[in-house]
Amino acid sequence: MKDLVEYVVKSLVESPDEVSIEEFEESNETVLEITVAGPDMGRVIGKSGRVINAIRTLAQVAAAKQGTRVAIELVETGNR
């Protein structure tokens, strides 16, 4: 799951080296926290949040096939 999301996010941003994804379990689902460089936040969020919602949908479908649940969170960093 993490690899899929990481591949998609790194393909979208200008600074793929600054993408980091932390994975941890919270109650009955896997949480993926995505951190990107400040200037790339807009690319990952997209217009009206369409891109991040598409990434969430893609991850949820992949997780459902594995019989699990996943949540995607985009963490904002201080460097802009």
PDB file of N, CA and C in Angstrom:
ATOM      1  N   MET A   1       0.824  -1.189   0.000  1.00  0.00           N
ATOM      2  CA  MET A   1       0.000   0.000   0.000  1.00  0.00           C
ATOM      3  C   MET A   1       0.871   1.256   0.000  1.00  0.00           C
ATOM      4  N   LYS A   2       1.827   1.261   0.911  1.00  0.00           N
ATOM      5  CA  LYS A   2       2.727   2.410   1.034  1.00  0.00           C
ATOM      6  C   LYS A   2       3.492   2.632  -0.269  1.00  0.00           C
ATOM      7  N   ASP A   3       3.930   1.545  -0.902  1.00  0.00           N
ATOM      8  CA  ASP A   3       4.696   1.655  -2.141  1.00  0.00           C
ATOM      9  C   ASP A   3       3.863   2.278  -3.258  1.00  0.00           C
ATOM     10  N   LEU A   4       2.600   1.901  -3.340  1.00  0.00           N
ATOM     11  CA  LEU A   4       1.714   2.447  -4.357  1.00  0.00           C
ATOM     12  C   LEU A   4       1.536   3.953  -4.177  1.00  0.00           C
ATOM     13  N   VAL A   5       1.235   4.372  -2.966  1.00  0.00           N
ATOM     14  CA  VAL A   5       1.030   5.791  -2.687  1.00  0.00           C
ATOM     15  C   VAL A   5       2.322   6.571  -2.907  1.00  0.00           C
ATOM     16  N   GLU A   6       3.433   6.003  -2.473  1.00  0.00           N
ATOM     17  CA  GLU A   6       4.724   6.671  -2.651  1.00  0.00           C
ATOM     18  C   GLU A   6       5.041   6.864  -4.138  1.00  0.00           C
ATOM     19  N   TYR A   7       4.780   5.863  -4.946  1.00  0.00           N
ATOM     20  CA  TYR A   7       5.027   5.955  -6.384  1.00  0.00           C
ATOM     21  C   TYR A   7       4.192   7.068  -7.012  1.00  0.00           C
ATOM     22  N   VAL A   8       2.902   7.122  -6.668  1.00  0.00           N
ATOM     23  CA  VAL A   8       2.011   8.125  -7.241  1.00  0.00           C
ATOM     24  C   VAL A   8       2.444   9.535  -6.822  1.00  0.00           C
ATOM     25  N   VAL A   9       2.718   9.721  -5.534  1.00  0.00           N
ATOM     26  CA  VAL A   9       3.080  11.049  -5.036  1.00  0.00           C
ATOM     27  C   VAL A   9       4.409  11.506  -5.626  1.00  0.00           C
ATOM     28  N   LYS A  10       5.397  10.630  -5.667  1.00  0.00           N
ATOM     29  CA  LYS A  10       6.703  11.013  -6.224  1.00  0.00           C
ATOM     30  C   LYS A  10       6.607  11.346  -7.708  1.00  0.00           C
ATOM     31  N   SER A  11       5.644  10.746  -8.402  1.00  0.00           N
ATOM     32  CA  SER A  11       5.450  11.055  -9.821  1.00  0.00           C
ATOM     33  C   SER A  11       4.853  12.443 -10.025  1.00  0.00           C
ATOM     34  N   LEU A  12       4.150  12.954  -9.016  1.00  0.00           N
ATOM     35  CA  LEU A  12       3.473  14.239  -9.137  1.00  0.00           C
ATOM     36  C   LEU A  12       4.346  15.441  -8.791  1.00  0.00           C
ATOM     37  N   VAL A  13       5.272  15.284  -7.875  1.00  0.00           N
ATOM     38  CA  VAL A  13       5.988  16.428  -7.308  1.00  0.00           C
ATOM     39  C   VAL A  13       7.259  16.758  -8.083  1.00  0.00           C
ATOM     40  N   GLU A  14       7.765  17.974  -7.860  1.00  0.00           N
ATOM     41  CA  GLU A  14       9.024  18.395  -8.477  1.00  0.00           C
ATOM     42  C   GLU A  14      10.232  17.927  -7.679  1.00  0.00           C
ATOM     43  N   SER A  15      10.053  17.703  -6.379  1.00  0.00           N
ATOM     44  CA  SER A  15      11.149  17.272  -5.506  1.00  0.00           C
ATOM     45  C   SER A  15      10.834  15.899  -4.914  1.00  0.00           C
ATOM     46  N   PRO A  16      10.985  14.831  -5.698  1.00  0.00           N
ATOM     47  CA  PRO A  16      10.626  13.501  -5.192  1.00  0.00           C
ATOM     48  C   PRO A  16      11.508  13.023  -4.036  1.00  0.00           C
ATOM     49  N   ASP A  17      12.706  13.590  -3.910  1.00  0.00           N
ATOM     50  CA  ASP A  17      13.593  13.188  -2.812  1.00  0.00           C
ATOM     51  C   ASP A  17      13.075  13.667  -1.458  1.00  0.00           C
ATOM     52  N   GLU A  18      12.223  14.682  -1.455  1.00  0.00           N
ATOM     53  CA  GLU A  18      11.713  15.235  -0.203  1.00  0.00           C
ATOM     54  C   GLU A  18      10.377  14.622   0.223  1.00  0.00           C
ATOM     55  N   VAL A  19       9.921  13.618  -0.517  1.00  0.00           N
ATOM     56  CA  VAL A  19       8.675  12.930  -0.158  1.00  0.00           C
ATOM     57  C   VAL A  19       8.991  11.869   0.883  1.00  0.00           C
ATOM     58  N   SER A  20       8.240  11.894   1.973  1.00  0.00           N
ATOM     59  CA  SER A  20       8.374  10.830   2.969  1.00  0.00           C
ATOM     60  C   SER A  20       6.988  10.380   3.385  1.00  0.00           C
ATOM     61  N   ILE A  21       6.854   9.083   3.586  1.00  0.00           N
ATOM     62  CA  ILE A  21       5.573   8.510   3.967  1.00  0.00           C
ATOM     63  C   ILE A  21       5.786   7.641   5.191  1.00  0.00           C
ATOM     64  N   GLU A  22       5.056   7.975   6.257  1.00  0.00           N
ATOM     65  CA  GLU A  22       5.113   7.179   7.480  1.00  0.00           C
ATOM     66  C   GLU A  22       3.858   6.329   7.547  1.00  0.00           C
ATOM     67  N   GLU A  23       4.044   5.079   7.928  1.00  0.00           N
ATOM     68  CA  GLU A  23       2.929   4.139   8.000  1.00  0.00           C
ATOM     69  C   GLU A  23       2.803   3.634   9.425  1.00  0.00           C
ATOM     70  N   PHE A  24       1.600   3.699   9.967  1.00  0.00           N
ATOM     71  CA  PHE A  24       1.379   3.132  11.294  1.00  0.00           C
ATOM     72  C   PHE A  24      -0.056   2.665  11.436  1.00  0.00           C
ATOM     73  N   GLU A  25      -0.272   1.783  12.401  1.00  0.00           N
ATOM     74  CA  GLU A  25      -1.591   1.214  12.641  1.00  0.00           C
ATOM     75  C   GLU A  25      -2.326   2.044  13.685  1.00  0.00           C
ATOM     76  N   GLU A  26      -3.592   2.306  13.427  1.00  0.00           N
ATOM     77  CA  GLU A  26      -4.417   3.060  14.357  1.00  0.00           C
ATOM     78  C   GLU A  26      -5.773   2.361  14.407  1.00  0.00           C
ATOM     79  N   SER A  27      -6.115   1.800  15.538  1.00  0.00           N
ATOM     80  CA  SER A  27      -7.313   0.982  15.753  1.00  0.00           C
ATOM     81  C   SER A  27      -7.401  -0.104  14.683  1.00  0.00           C
ATOM     82  N   ASN A  28      -8.319  -0.008  13.742  1.00  0.00           N
ATOM     83  CA  ASN A  28      -8.463  -1.100  12.769  1.00  0.00           C
ATOM     84  C   ASN A  28      -8.095  -0.688  11.346  1.00  0.00           C
ATOM     85  N   GLU A  29      -7.252   0.342  11.201  1.00  0.00           N
ATOM     86  CA  GLU A  29      -6.848   0.763   9.865  1.00  0.00           C
ATOM     87  C   GLU A  29      -5.391   1.208   9.837  1.00  0.00           C
ATOM     88  N   THR A  30      -4.836   1.190   8.656  1.00  0.00           N
ATOM     89  CA  THR A  30      -3.480   1.659   8.428  1.00  0.00           C
ATOM     90  C   THR A  30      -3.539   3.137   8.062  1.00  0.00           C
ATOM     91  N   VAL A  31      -2.708   3.939   8.702  1.00  0.00           N
ATOM     92  CA  VAL A  31      -2.656   5.378   8.414  1.00  0.00           C
ATOM     93  C   VAL A  31      -1.339   5.673   7.710  1.00  0.00           C
ATOM     94  N   LEU A  32      -1.428   6.356   6.583  1.00  0.00           N
ATOM     95  CA  LEU A  32      -0.246   6.789   5.843  1.00  0.00           C
ATOM     96  C   LEU A  32      -0.178   8.307   5.914  1.00  0.00           C
ATOM     97  N   GLU A  33       0.905   8.827   6.496  1.00  0.00           N
ATOM     98  CA  GLU A  33       1.112  10.272   6.575  1.00  0.00           C
ATOM     99  C   GLU A  33       2.119  10.673   5.508  1.00  0.00           C
ATOM    100  N   ILE A  34       1.684  11.502   4.586  1.00  0.00           N
ATOM    101  CA  ILE A  34       2.531  11.950   3.481  1.00  0.00           C
ATOM    102  C   ILE A  34       3.082  13.335   3.806  1.00  0.00           C
ATOM    103  N   THR A  35       4.392  13.489   3.686  1.00  0.00           N
ATOM    104  CA  THR A  35       5.041  14.780   3.861  1.00  0.00           C
ATOM    105  C   THR A  35       5.785  15.108   2.573  1.00  0.00           C
ATOM    106  N   VAL A  36       5.528  16.308   2.032  1.00  0.00           N
ATOM    107  CA  VAL A  36       6.205  16.755   0.809  1.00  0.00           C
ATOM    108  C   VAL A  36       6.787  18.142   1.051  1.00  0.00           C
ATOM    109  N   ALA A  37       7.619  18.584   0.124  1.00  0.00           N
ATOM    110  CA  ALA A  37       8.180  19.939   0.208  1.00  0.00           C
ATOM    111  C   ALA A  37       7.049  20.957   0.085  1.00  0.00           C
ATOM    112  N   GLY A  38       7.219  22.105   0.730  1.00  0.00           N
ATOM    113  CA  GLY A  38       6.202  23.148   0.733  1.00  0.00           C
ATOM    114  C   GLY A  38       5.658  23.520  -0.631  1.00  0.00           C
ATOM    115  N   PRO A  39       6.528  23.793  -1.614  1.00  0.00           N
ATOM    116  CA  PRO A  39       6.028  24.183  -2.936  1.00  0.00           C
ATOM    117  C   PRO A  39       5.244  23.075  -3.655  1.00  0.00           C
ATOM    118  N   ASP A  40       5.421  21.832  -3.247  1.00  0.00           N
ATOM    119  CA  ASP A  40       4.735  20.716  -3.895  1.00  0.00           C
ATOM    120  C   ASP A  40       3.375  20.401  -3.284  1.00  0.00           C
ATOM    121  N   MET A  41       3.031  21.074  -2.187  1.00  0.00           N
ATOM    122  CA  MET A  41       1.745  20.798  -1.530  1.00  0.00           C
ATOM    123  C   MET A  41       0.582  21.015  -2.494  1.00  0.00           C
ATOM    124  N   GLY A  42       0.615  22.076  -3.264  1.00  0.00           N
ATOM    125  CA  GLY A  42      -0.461  22.371  -4.199  1.00  0.00           C
ATOM    126  C   GLY A  42      -0.621  21.304  -5.263  1.00  0.00           C
ATOM    127  N   ARG A  43       0.490  20.751  -5.700  1.00  0.00           N
ATOM    128  CA  ARG A  43       0.442  19.686  -6.703  1.00  0.00           C
ATOM    129  C   ARG A  43      -0.229  18.438  -6.145  1.00  0.00           C
ATOM    130  N   VAL A  44       0.057  18.116  -4.905  1.00  0.00           N
ATOM    131  CA  VAL A  44      -0.496  16.908  -4.294  1.00  0.00           C
ATOM    132  C   VAL A  44      -1.964  17.112  -3.926  1.00  0.00           C
ATOM    133  N   ILE A  45      -2.313  18.301  -3.469  1.00  0.00           N
ATOM    134  CA  ILE A  45      -3.704  18.573  -3.109  1.00  0.00           C
ATOM    135  C   ILE A  45      -4.565  18.700  -4.365  1.00  0.00           C
ATOM    136  N   GLY A  46      -4.094  19.445  -5.335  1.00  0.00           N
ATOM    137  CA  GLY A  46      -4.846  19.621  -6.574  1.00  0.00           C
ATOM    138  C   GLY A  46      -5.962  20.639  -6.424  1.00  0.00           C
ATOM    139  N   LYS A  47      -6.593  20.956  -7.518  1.00  0.00           N
ATOM    140  CA  LYS A  47      -7.674  21.938  -7.531  1.00  0.00           C
ATOM    141  C   LYS A  47      -8.877  21.362  -6.791  1.00  0.00           C
ATOM    142  N   SER A  48      -9.319  22.071  -5.766  1.00  0.00           N
ATOM    143  CA  SER A  48     -10.438  21.641  -4.912  1.00  0.00           C
ATOM    144  C   SER A  48     -10.192  20.285  -4.248  1.00  0.00           C
ATOM    145  N   GLY A  49      -8.925  19.905  -4.096  1.00  0.00           N
ATOM    146  CA  GLY A  49      -8.601  18.656  -3.414  1.00  0.00           C
ATOM    147  C   GLY A  49      -8.810  17.411  -4.257  1.00  0.00           C
ATOM    148  N   ARG A  50      -8.915  17.567  -5.548  1.00  0.00           N
ATOM    149  CA  ARG A  50      -9.203  16.421  -6.416  1.00  0.00           C
ATOM    150  C   ARG A  50      -8.073  15.404  -6.460  1.00  0.00           C
ATOM    151  N   VAL A  51      -6.835  15.857  -6.492  1.00  0.00           N
ATOM    152  CA  VAL A  51      -5.705  14.934  -6.608  1.00  0.00           C
ATOM    153  C   VAL A  51      -5.563  14.094  -5.338  1.00  0.00           C
ATOM    154  N   ILE A  52      -5.582  14.726  -4.170  1.00  0.00           N
ATOM    155  CA  ILE A  52      -5.439  13.974  -2.925  1.00  0.00           C
ATOM    156  C   ILE A  52      -6.622  13.030  -2.734  1.00  0.00           C
ATOM    157  N   ASN A  53      -7.812  13.444  -3.159  1.00  0.00           N
ATOM    158  CA  ASN A  53      -8.969  12.559  -3.059  1.00  0.00           C
ATOM    159  C   ASN A  53      -8.835  11.362  -3.987  1.00  0.00           C
ATOM    160  N   ALA A  54      -8.253  11.566  -5.157  1.00  0.00           N
ATOM    161  CA  ALA A  54      -8.021  10.459  -6.081  1.00  0.00           C
ATOM    162  C   ALA A  54      -6.991   9.486  -5.501  1.00  0.00           C
ATOM    163  N   ILE A  55      -5.951  10.021  -4.855  1.00  0.00           N
ATOM    164  CA  ILE A  55      -4.945   9.167  -4.220  1.00  0.00           C
ATOM    165  C   ILE A  55      -5.595   8.362  -3.098  1.00  0.00           C
ATOM    166  N   ARG A  56      -6.447   9.001  -2.308  1.00  0.00           N
ATOM    167  CA  ARG A  56      -7.153   8.296  -1.227  1.00  0.00           C
ATOM    168  C   ARG A  56      -8.035   7.190  -1.777  1.00  0.00           C
ATOM    169  N   THR A  57      -8.763   7.473  -2.842  1.00  0.00           N
ATOM    170  CA  THR A  57      -9.644   6.474  -3.446  1.00  0.00           C
ATOM    171  C   THR A  57      -8.839   5.293  -3.964  1.00  0.00           C
ATOM    172  N   LEU A  58      -7.747   5.569  -4.635  1.00  0.00           N
ATOM    173  CA  LEU A  58      -6.885   4.517  -5.159  1.00  0.00           C
ATOM    174  C   LEU A  58      -6.354   3.628  -4.038  1.00  0.00           C
ATOM    175  N   ALA A  59      -5.911   4.244  -2.955  1.00  0.00           N
ATOM    176  CA  ALA A  59      -5.390   3.479  -1.820  1.00  0.00           C
ATOM    177  C   ALA A  59      -6.495   2.668  -1.144  1.00  0.00           C
ATOM    178  N   GLN A  60      -7.688   3.235  -1.037  1.00  0.00           N
ATOM    179  CA  GLN A  60      -8.800   2.528  -0.404  1.00  0.00           C
ATOM    180  C   GLN A  60      -9.227   1.314  -1.215  1.00  0.00           C
ATOM    181  N   VAL A  61      -9.220   1.427  -2.529  1.00  0.00           N
ATOM    182  CA  VAL A  61      -9.565   0.297  -3.386  1.00  0.00           C
ATOM    183  C   VAL A  61      -8.520  -0.807  -3.253  1.00  0.00           C
ATOM    184  N   ALA A  62      -7.254  -0.426  -3.268  1.00  0.00           N
ATOM    185  CA  ALA A  62      -6.185  -1.414  -3.115  1.00  0.00           C
ATOM    186  C   ALA A  62      -6.253  -2.089  -1.743  1.00  0.00           C
ATOM    187  N   ALA A  63      -6.573  -1.321  -0.711  1.00  0.00           N
ATOM    188  CA  ALA A  63      -6.690  -1.882   0.639  1.00  0.00           C
ATOM    189  C   ALA A  63      -7.888  -2.813   0.742  1.00  0.00           C
ATOM    190  N   ALA A  64      -8.986  -2.446   0.116  1.00  0.00           N
ATOM    191  CA  ALA A  64     -10.185  -3.287   0.154  1.00  0.00           C
ATOM    192  C   ALA A  64      -9.924  -4.644  -0.493  1.00  0.00           C
ATOM    193  N   LYS A  65      -9.124  -4.672  -1.536  1.00  0.00           N
ATOM    194  CA  LYS A  65      -8.774  -5.942  -2.178  1.00  0.00           C
ATOM    195  C   LYS A  65      -7.965  -6.828  -1.246  1.00  0.00           C
ATOM    196  N   GLN A  66      -7.229  -6.206  -0.308  1.00  0.00           N
ATOM    197  CA  GLN A  66      -6.439  -6.953   0.662  1.00  0.00           C
ATOM    198  C   GLN A  66      -7.221  -7.214   1.941  1.00  0.00           C
ATOM    199  N   GLY A  67      -8.439  -6.692   2.011  1.00  0.00           N
ATOM    200  CA  GLY A  67      -9.275  -6.890   3.181  1.00  0.00           C
ATOM    201  C   GLY A  67      -8.918  -6.005   4.354  1.00  0.00           C
ATOM    202  N   THR A  68      -8.311  -4.852   4.086  1.00  0.00           N
ATOM    203  CA  THR A  68      -7.930  -3.922   5.148  1.00  0.00           C
ATOM    204  C   THR A  68      -8.520  -2.549   4.865  1.00  0.00           C
ATOM    205  N   ARG A  69      -8.257  -1.615   5.761  1.00  0.00           N
ATOM    206  CA  ARG A  69      -8.693  -0.221   5.594  1.00  0.00           C
ATOM    207  C   ARG A  69      -7.468   0.670   5.654  1.00  0.00           C
ATOM    208  N   VAL A  70      -7.533   1.795   4.944  1.00  0.00           N
ATOM    209  CA  VAL A  70      -6.403   2.721   4.918  1.00  0.00           C
ATOM    210  C   VAL A  70      -6.919   4.153   4.973  1.00  0.00           C
ATOM    211  N   ALA A  71      -6.149   5.008   5.634  1.00  0.00           N
ATOM    212  CA  ALA A  71      -6.438   6.442   5.675  1.00  0.00           C
ATOM    213  C   ALA A  71      -5.176   7.178   5.236  1.00  0.00           C
ATOM    214  N   ILE A  72      -5.364   8.213   4.435  1.00  0.00           N
ATOM    215  CA  ILE A  72      -4.243   9.004   3.930  1.00  0.00           C
ATOM    216  C   ILE A  72      -4.337  10.395   4.536  1.00  0.00           C
ATOM    217  N   GLU A  73      -3.233  10.857   5.122  1.00  0.00           N
ATOM    218  CA  GLU A  73      -3.176  12.206   5.689  1.00  0.00           C
ATOM    219  C   GLU A  73      -1.997  12.939   5.075  1.00  0.00           C
ATOM    220  N   LEU A  74      -2.229  14.174   4.699  1.00  0.00           N
ATOM    221  CA  LEU A  74      -1.181  15.012   4.137  1.00  0.00           C
ATOM    222  C   LEU A  74      -0.708  15.962   5.214  1.00  0.00           C
ATOM    223  N   VAL A  75       0.569  15.850   5.583  1.00  0.00           N
ATOM    224  CA  VAL A  75       1.122  16.649   6.679  1.00  0.00           C
ATOM    225  C   VAL A  75       1.815  17.869   6.092  1.00  0.00           C
ATOM    226  N   GLU A  76       1.455  19.038   6.586  1.00  0.00           N
ATOM    227  CA  GLU A  76       2.036  20.282   6.103  1.00  0.00           C
ATOM    228  C   GLU A  76       3.336  20.573   6.852  1.00  0.00           C
ATOM    229  N   THR A  77       4.366  20.931   6.119  1.00  0.00           N
ATOM    230  CA  THR A  77       5.637  21.286   6.738  1.00  0.00           C
ATOM    231  C   THR A  77       5.770  22.802   6.775  1.00  0.00           C
ATOM    232  N   GLY A  78       6.705  23.274   7.559  1.00  0.00           N
ATOM    233  CA  GLY A  78       6.874  24.706   7.738  1.00  0.00           C
ATOM    234  C   GLY A  78       7.635  25.401   6.631  1.00  0.00           C
ATOM    235  N   ASN A  79       8.366  24.685   5.788  1.00  0.00           N
ATOM    236  CA  ASN A  79       9.200  25.325   4.765  1.00  0.00           C
ATOM    237  C   ASN A  79       8.378  25.598   3.509  1.00  0.00           C
ATOM    238  N   ARG A  80       8.224  26.877   3.176  1.00  0.00           N
ATOM    239  CA  ARG A  80       7.454  27.250   1.969  1.00  0.00           C
ATOM    240  C   ARG A  80       8.329  28.010   1.018  1.00  0.00           C
TER     241      ARG A  80
END
